[in-house]
Amino acid sequence: MTQNARHHSSSGGRDIEFRLIYCASFIVFLIGTLVARLMPWHWLIIRSGSPRRGTIISEATAATNRFVPFAFMG
């Protein structure tokens, strides 16, 4: 096996790992964001006139983008 082929196969495995961890994390953060939005204290925040946050999808994506890189440190 050439050096290029070994490099490609090892980085291909990391891509799959990254995608799996990203998808699993996104689902967890999406559920967490949905639950947080359904809580009564969230309705009080909206009524008080504080600025609205982004969409549920954008919040879950932002949380996932902050979390996932820590899984690959080291």
PDB file of N, CA and C in Angstrom:
ATOM      1  N   MET A   1       0.854  -1.172   0.000  1.00  0.00           N
ATOM      2  CA  MET A   1       0.000   0.000   0.000  1.00  0.00           C
ATOM      3  C   MET A   1       0.901   1.236   0.000  1.00  0.00           C
ATOM      4  N   THR A   2       0.596   2.174  -0.834  1.00  0.00           N
ATOM      5  CA  THR A   2       1.405   3.386  -0.905  1.00  0.00           C
ATOM      6  C   THR A   2       1.063   4.313   0.248  1.00  0.00           C
ATOM      7  N   GLN A   3       1.952   5.298   0.453  1.00  0.00           N
ATOM      8  CA  GLN A   3       1.737   6.252   1.539  1.00  0.00           C
ATOM      9  C   GLN A   3       0.460   7.058   1.295  1.00  0.00           C
ATOM     10  N   ASN A   4       0.196   7.412   0.059  1.00  0.00           N
ATOM     11  CA  ASN A   4      -0.999   8.196  -0.261  1.00  0.00           C
ATOM     12  C   ASN A   4      -2.266   7.398   0.037  1.00  0.00           C
ATOM     13  N   ALA A   5      -2.261   6.122  -0.275  1.00  0.00           N
ATOM     14  CA  ALA A   5      -3.432   5.283  -0.027  1.00  0.00           C
ATOM     15  C   ALA A   5      -3.678   5.131   1.470  1.00  0.00           C
ATOM     16  N   ARG A   6      -2.589   4.980   2.259  1.00  0.00           N
ATOM     17  CA  ARG A   6      -2.750   4.869   3.707  1.00  0.00           C
ATOM     18  C   ARG A   6      -3.301   6.162   4.285  1.00  0.00           C
ATOM     19  N   HIS A   7      -2.814   7.294   3.800  1.00  0.00           N
ATOM     20  CA  HIS A   7      -3.286   8.587   4.289  1.00  0.00           C
ATOM     21  C   HIS A   7      -4.761   8.774   3.963  1.00  0.00           C
ATOM     22  N   HIS A   8      -5.157   8.378   2.772  1.00  0.00           N
ATOM     23  CA  HIS A   8      -6.551   8.531   2.353  1.00  0.00           C
ATOM     24  C   HIS A   8      -7.473   7.656   3.199  1.00  0.00           C
ATOM     25  N   SER A   9      -7.058   6.413   3.460  1.00  0.00           N
ATOM     26  CA  SER A   9      -7.933   5.513   4.225  1.00  0.00           C
ATOM     27  C   SER A   9      -8.036   5.958   5.682  1.00  0.00           C
ATOM     28  N   SER A  10      -6.954   6.484   6.257  1.00  0.00           N
ATOM     29  CA  SER A  10      -7.033   6.911   7.655  1.00  0.00           C
ATOM     30  C   SER A  10      -7.852   8.187   7.789  1.00  0.00           C
ATOM     31  N   SER A  11      -7.749   9.101   6.841  1.00  0.00           N
ATOM     32  CA  SER A  11      -8.554  10.321   6.933  1.00  0.00           C
ATOM     33  C   SER A  11     -10.007  10.025   6.601  1.00  0.00           C
ATOM     34  N   GLY A  12     -10.265   9.020   5.783  1.00  0.00           N
ATOM     35  CA  GLY A  12     -11.635   8.633   5.476  1.00  0.00           C
ATOM     36  C   GLY A  12     -12.348   8.114   6.704  1.00  0.00           C
ATOM     37  N   GLY A  13     -11.629   7.400   7.562  1.00  0.00           N
ATOM     38  CA  GLY A  13     -12.212   6.909   8.803  1.00  0.00           C
ATOM     39  C   GLY A  13     -12.549   8.037   9.748  1.00  0.00           C
ATOM     40  N   ARG A  14     -11.690   9.046   9.774  1.00  0.00           N
ATOM     41  CA  ARG A  14     -11.957  10.200  10.655  1.00  0.00           C
ATOM     42  C   ARG A  14     -13.147  10.998  10.144  1.00  0.00           C
ATOM     43  N   ASP A  15     -13.317  11.061   8.828  1.00  0.00           N
ATOM     44  CA  ASP A  15     -14.477  11.765   8.276  1.00  0.00           C
ATOM     45  C   ASP A  15     -15.770  11.085   8.702  1.00  0.00           C
ATOM     46  N   ILE A  16     -15.771   9.778   8.653  1.00  0.00           N
ATOM     47  CA  ILE A  16     -16.961   9.026   9.054  1.00  0.00           C
ATOM     48  C   ILE A  16     -17.213   9.211  10.548  1.00  0.00           C
ATOM     49  N   GLU A  17     -16.148   9.138  11.361  1.00  0.00           N
ATOM     50  CA  GLU A  17     -16.291   9.359  12.801  1.00  0.00           C
ATOM     51  C   GLU A  17     -16.857  10.748  13.071  1.00  0.00           C
ATOM     52  N   PHE A  18     -16.324  11.755  12.381  1.00  0.00           N
ATOM     53  CA  PHE A  18     -16.786  13.125  12.572  1.00  0.00           C
ATOM     54  C   PHE A  18     -18.265  13.243  12.233  1.00  0.00           C
ATOM     55  N   ARG A  19     -18.660  12.686  11.118  1.00  0.00           N
ATOM     56  CA  ARG A  19     -20.062  12.780  10.707  1.00  0.00           C
ATOM     57  C   ARG A  19     -20.993  12.059  11.673  1.00  0.00           C
ATOM     58  N   LEU A  20     -20.588  10.887  12.152  1.00  0.00           N
ATOM     59  CA  LEU A  20     -21.416  10.155  13.103  1.00  0.00           C
ATOM     60  C   LEU A  20     -21.560  10.918  14.414  1.00  0.00           C
ATOM     61  N   ILE A  21     -20.451  11.424  14.924  1.00  0.00           N
ATOM     62  CA  ILE A  21     -20.506  12.191  16.170  1.00  0.00           C
ATOM     63  C   ILE A  21     -21.305  13.464  15.961  1.00  0.00           C
ATOM     64  N   TYR A  22     -21.131  14.117  14.810  1.00  0.00           N
ATOM     65  CA  TYR A  22     -21.860  15.349  14.533  1.00  0.00           C
ATOM     66  C   TYR A  22     -23.365  15.089  14.472  1.00  0.00           C
ATOM     67  N   CYS A  23     -23.772  14.044  13.758  1.00  0.00           N
ATOM     68  CA  CYS A  23     -25.208  13.731  13.634  1.00  0.00           C
ATOM     69  C   CYS A  23     -25.814  13.356  14.980  1.00  0.00           C
ATOM     70  N   ALA A  24     -25.125  12.530  15.750  1.00  0.00           N
ATOM     71  CA  ALA A  24     -25.640  12.140  17.063  1.00  0.00           C
ATOM     72  C   ALA A  24     -25.746  13.350  17.984  1.00  0.00           C
ATOM     73  N   SER A  25     -24.728  14.207  17.957  1.00  0.00           N
ATOM     74  CA  SER A  25     -24.739  15.404  18.797  1.00  0.00           C
ATOM     75  C   SER A  25     -25.842  16.358  18.368  1.00  0.00           C
ATOM     76  N   PHE A  26     -26.032  16.507  17.069  1.00  0.00           N
ATOM     77  CA  PHE A  26     -27.071  17.402  16.575  1.00  0.00           C
ATOM     78  C   PHE A  26     -28.443  16.945  17.053  1.00  0.00           C
ATOM     79  N   ILE A  27     -28.697  15.641  17.008  1.00  0.00           N
ATOM     80  CA  ILE A  27     -29.987  15.117  17.459  1.00  0.00           C
ATOM     81  C   ILE A  27     -30.185  15.395  18.948  1.00  0.00           C
ATOM     82  N   VAL A  28     -29.130  15.177  19.738  1.00  0.00           N
ATOM     83  CA  VAL A  28     -29.222  15.434  21.179  1.00  0.00           C
ATOM     84  C   VAL A  28     -29.486  16.910  21.444  1.00  0.00           C
ATOM     85  N   PHE A  29     -28.743  17.797  20.774  1.00  0.00           N
ATOM     86  CA  PHE A  29     -28.932  19.231  21.000  1.00  0.00           C
ATOM     87  C   PHE A  29     -30.266  19.720  20.441  1.00  0.00           C
ATOM     88  N   LEU A  30     -30.748  19.114  19.375  1.00  0.00           N
ATOM     89  CA  LEU A  30     -32.052  19.477  18.835  1.00  0.00           C
ATOM     90  C   LEU A  30     -33.157  19.142  19.833  1.00  0.00           C
ATOM     91  N   ILE A  31     -33.076  17.964  20.417  1.00  0.00           N
ATOM     92  CA  ILE A  31     -34.067  17.573  21.426  1.00  0.00           C
ATOM     93  C   ILE A  31     -33.968  18.488  22.638  1.00  0.00           C
ATOM     94  N   GLY A  32     -32.751  18.792  23.063  1.00  0.00           N
ATOM     95  CA  GLY A  32     -32.571  19.693  24.191  1.00  0.00           C
ATOM     96  C   GLY A  32     -33.125  21.081  23.922  1.00  0.00           C
ATOM     97  N   THR A  33     -32.924  21.578  22.725  1.00  0.00           N
ATOM     98  CA  THR A  33     -33.447  22.893  22.359  1.00  0.00           C
ATOM     99  C   THR A  33     -34.969  22.877  22.313  1.00  0.00           C
ATOM    100  N   LEU A  34     -35.538  21.817  21.767  1.00  0.00           N
ATOM    101  CA  LEU A  34     -37.001  21.695  21.733  1.00  0.00           C
ATOM    102  C   LEU A  34     -37.592  21.672  23.144  1.00  0.00           C
ATOM    103  N   VAL A  35     -36.985  20.912  24.023  1.00  0.00           N
ATOM    104  CA  VAL A  35     -37.474  20.829  25.398  1.00  0.00           C
ATOM    105  C   VAL A  35     -37.354  22.194  26.075  1.00  0.00           C
ATOM    106  N   ALA A  36     -36.233  22.871  25.874  1.00  0.00           N
ATOM    107  CA  ALA A  36     -36.044  24.192  26.481  1.00  0.00           C
ATOM    108  C   ALA A  36     -37.071  25.189  25.970  1.00  0.00           C
ATOM    109  N   ARG A  37     -37.414  25.101  24.697  1.00  0.00           N
ATOM    110  CA  ARG A  37     -38.411  26.018  24.133  1.00  0.00           C
ATOM    111  C   ARG A  37     -39.814  25.737  24.653  1.00  0.00           C
ATOM    112  N   LEU A  38     -40.090  24.505  25.048  1.00  0.00           N
ATOM    113  CA  LEU A  38     -41.417  24.152  25.532  1.00  0.00           C
ATOM    114  C   LEU A  38     -41.611  24.426  27.019  1.00  0.00           C
ATOM    115  N   MET A  39     -40.535  24.733  27.727  1.00  0.00           N
ATOM    116  CA  MET A  39     -40.632  24.992  29.162  1.00  0.00           C
ATOM    117  C   MET A  39     -41.334  26.318  29.428  1.00  0.00           C
ATOM    118  N   PRO A  40     -42.123  26.382  30.488  1.00  0.00           N
ATOM    119  CA  PRO A  40     -42.858  27.616  30.805  1.00  0.00           C
ATOM    120  C   PRO A  40     -41.963  28.818  31.063  1.00  0.00           C
ATOM    121  N   TRP A  41     -40.769  28.635  31.614  1.00  0.00           N
ATOM    122  CA  TRP A  41     -39.898  29.778  31.874  1.00  0.00           C
ATOM    123  C   TRP A  41     -39.467  30.445  30.578  1.00  0.00           C
ATOM    124  N   HIS A  42     -39.435  29.703  29.493  1.00  0.00           N
ATOM    125  CA  HIS A  42     -39.086  30.298  28.199  1.00  0.00           C
ATOM    126  C   HIS A  42     -40.174  31.269  27.745  1.00  0.00           C
ATOM    127  N   TRP A  43     -41.430  30.955  28.046  1.00  0.00           N
ATOM    128  CA  TRP A  43     -42.530  31.834  27.656  1.00  0.00           C
ATOM    129  C   TRP A  43     -42.448  33.151  28.420  1.00  0.00           C
ATOM    130  N   LEU A  44     -41.991  33.096  29.658  1.00  0.00           N
ATOM    131  CA  LEU A  44     -41.842  34.324  30.443  1.00  0.00           C
ATOM    132  C   LEU A  44     -40.752  35.219  29.857  1.00  0.00           C
ATOM    133  N   ILE A  45     -39.703  34.617  29.355  1.00  0.00           N
ATOM    134  CA  ILE A  45     -38.626  35.389  28.736  1.00  0.00           C
ATOM    135  C   ILE A  45     -39.136  36.095  27.485  1.00  0.00           C
ATOM    136  N   ILE A  46     -39.955  35.412  26.698  1.00  0.00           N
ATOM    137  CA  ILE A  46     -40.492  36.009  25.480  1.00  0.00           C
ATOM    138  C   ILE A  46     -41.409  37.184  25.826  1.00  0.00           C
ATOM    139  N   ARG A  47     -42.246  37.022  26.854  1.00  0.00           N
ATOM    140  CA  ARG A  47     -43.171  38.085  27.240  1.00  0.00           C
ATOM    141  C   ARG A  47     -42.470  39.306  27.811  1.00  0.00           C
ATOM    142  N   SER A  48     -41.297  39.113  28.407  1.00  0.00           N
ATOM    143  CA  SER A  48     -40.604  40.231  29.043  1.00  0.00           C
ATOM    144  C   SER A  48     -39.986  41.183  28.022  1.00  0.00           C
ATOM    145  N   GLY A  49     -40.006  40.816  26.769  1.00  0.00           N
ATOM    146  CA  GLY A  49     -39.509  41.702  25.727  1.00  0.00           C
ATOM    147  C   GLY A  49     -38.036  41.546  25.423  1.00  0.00           C
ATOM    148  N   SER A  50     -37.400  40.512  25.963  1.00  0.00           N
ATOM    149  CA  SER A  50     -35.992  40.295  25.636  1.00  0.00           C
ATOM    150  C   SER A  50     -35.879  39.841  24.183  1.00  0.00           C
ATOM    151  N   PRO A  51     -34.736  40.087  23.570  1.00  0.00           N
ATOM    152  CA  PRO A  51     -34.599  39.718  22.148  1.00  0.00           C
ATOM    153  C   PRO A  51     -34.725  38.219  21.936  1.00  0.00           C
ATOM    154  N   ARG A  52     -35.347  37.856  20.849  1.00  0.00           N
ATOM    155  CA  ARG A  52     -35.529  36.438  20.514  1.00  0.00           C
ATOM    156  C   ARG A  52     -34.221  35.836  20.054  1.00  0.00           C
ATOM    157  N   ARG A  53     -34.096  34.586  20.322  1.00  0.00           N
ATOM    158  CA  ARG A  53     -32.944  33.836  19.836  1.00  0.00           C
ATOM    159  C   ARG A  53     -33.231  33.377  18.421  1.00  0.00           C
ATOM    160  N   GLY A  54     -32.321  32.614  17.861  1.00  0.00           N
ATOM    161  CA  GLY A  54     -32.498  32.113  16.505  1.00  0.00           C
ATOM    162  C   GLY A  54     -33.525  30.997  16.453  1.00  0.00           C
ATOM    163  N   THR A  55     -33.600  30.360  15.318  1.00  0.00           N
ATOM    164  CA  THR A  55     -34.513  29.240  15.164  1.00  0.00           C
ATOM    165  C   THR A  55     -34.003  28.046  15.964  1.00  0.00           C
ATOM    166  N   ILE A  56     -34.862  27.068  16.135  1.00  0.00           N
ATOM    167  CA  ILE A  56     -34.477  25.873  16.882  1.00  0.00           C
ATOM    168  C   ILE A  56     -33.331  25.156  16.174  1.00  0.00           C
ATOM    169  N   ILE A  57     -33.414  25.076  14.862  1.00  0.00           N
ATOM    170  CA  ILE A  57     -32.360  24.410  14.078  1.00  0.00           C
ATOM    171  C   ILE A  57     -31.037  25.161  14.203  1.00  0.00           C
ATOM    172  N   SER A  58     -31.076  26.495  14.132  1.00  0.00           N
ATOM    173  CA  SER A  58     -29.830  27.265  14.215  1.00  0.00           C
ATOM    174  C   SER A  58     -29.210  27.163  15.608  1.00  0.00           C
ATOM    175  N   GLU A  59     -30.037  27.100  16.649  1.00  0.00           N
ATOM    176  CA  GLU A  59     -29.504  26.930  18.005  1.00  0.00           C
ATOM    177  C   GLU A  59     -28.855  25.558  18.169  1.00  0.00           C
ATOM    178  N   ALA A  60     -29.507  24.521  17.657  1.00  0.00           N
ATOM    179  CA  ALA A  60     -28.949  23.177  17.757  1.00  0.00           C
ATOM    180  C   ALA A  60     -27.660  23.056  16.943  1.00  0.00           C
ATOM    181  N   THR A  61     -27.629  23.685  15.778  1.00  0.00           N
ATOM    182  CA  THR A  61     -26.421  23.666  14.951  1.00  0.00           C
ATOM    183  C   THR A  61     -25.282  24.394  15.640  1.00  0.00           C
ATOM    184  N   ALA A  62     -25.564  25.541  16.229  1.00  0.00           N
ATOM    185  CA  ALA A  62     -24.523  26.307  16.923  1.00  0.00           C
ATOM    186  C   ALA A  62     -23.965  25.522  18.107  1.00  0.00           C
ATOM    187  N   ALA A  63     -24.840  24.872  18.865  1.00  0.00           N
ATOM    188  CA  ALA A  63     -24.381  24.071  20.002  1.00  0.00           C
ATOM    189  C   ALA A  63     -23.538  22.897  19.534  1.00  0.00           C
ATOM    190  N   THR A  64     -23.950  22.265  18.453  1.00  0.00           N
ATOM    191  CA  THR A  64     -23.188  21.138  17.906  1.00  0.00           C
ATOM    192  C   THR A  64     -21.830  21.603  17.401  1.00  0.00           C
ATOM    193  N   ASN A  65     -21.795  22.733  16.722  1.00  0.00           N
ATOM    194  CA  ASN A  65     -20.526  23.255  16.204  1.00  0.00           C
ATOM    195  C   ASN A  65     -19.570  23.649  17.322  1.00  0.00           C
ATOM    196  N   ARG A  66     -20.088  24.031  18.480  1.00  0.00           N
ATOM    197  CA  ARG A  66     -19.218  24.331  19.614  1.00  0.00           C
ATOM    198  C   ARG A  66     -18.732  23.067  20.295  1.00  0.00           C
ATOM    199  N   PHE A  67     -19.537  22.014  20.312  1.00  0.00           N
ATOM    200  CA  PHE A  67     -19.228  20.799  21.044  1.00  0.00           C
ATOM    201  C   PHE A  67     -18.326  19.806  20.307  1.00  0.00           C
ATOM    202  N   VAL A  68     -18.621  19.526  19.070  1.00  0.00           N
ATOM    203  CA  VAL A  68     -17.977  18.436  18.327  1.00  0.00           C
ATOM    204  C   VAL A  68     -16.448  18.586  18.213  1.00  0.00           C
ATOM    205  N   PRO A  69     -15.895  19.759  17.979  1.00  0.00           N
ATOM    206  CA  PRO A  69     -14.424  19.819  17.882  1.00  0.00           C
ATOM    207  C   PRO A  69     -13.699  19.311  19.124  1.00  0.00           C
ATOM    208  N   PHE A  70     -14.312  19.397  20.296  1.00  0.00           N
ATOM    209  CA  PHE A  70     -13.670  18.901  21.504  1.00  0.00           C
ATOM    210  C   PHE A  70     -13.518  17.386  21.479  1.00  0.00           C
ATOM    211  N   ALA A  71     -14.341  16.694  20.729  1.00  0.00           N
ATOM    212  CA  ALA A  71     -14.237  15.239  20.633  1.00  0.00           C
ATOM    213  C   ALA A  71     -12.974  14.819  19.874  1.00  0.00           C
ATOM    214  N   PHE A  72     -12.422  15.720  19.067  1.00  0.00           N
ATOM    215  CA  PHE A  72     -11.252  15.379  18.252  1.00  0.00           C
ATOM    216  C   PHE A  72      -9.979  16.056  18.730  1.00  0.00           C
ATOM    217  N   MET A  73      -9.991  16.657  19.910  1.00  0.00           N
ATOM    218  CA  MET A  73      -8.777  17.253  20.444  1.00  0.00           C
ATOM    219  C   MET A  73      -7.905  16.156  21.040  1.00  0.00           C
ATOM    220  N   GLY A  74      -6.624  16.353  20.897  1.00  0.00           N
ATOM    221  CA  GLY A  74      -5.717  15.430  21.566  1.00  0.00           C
ATOM    222  C   GLY A  74      -4.872  14.628  20.715  1.00  0.00           C
TER     223      GLY A  74
END
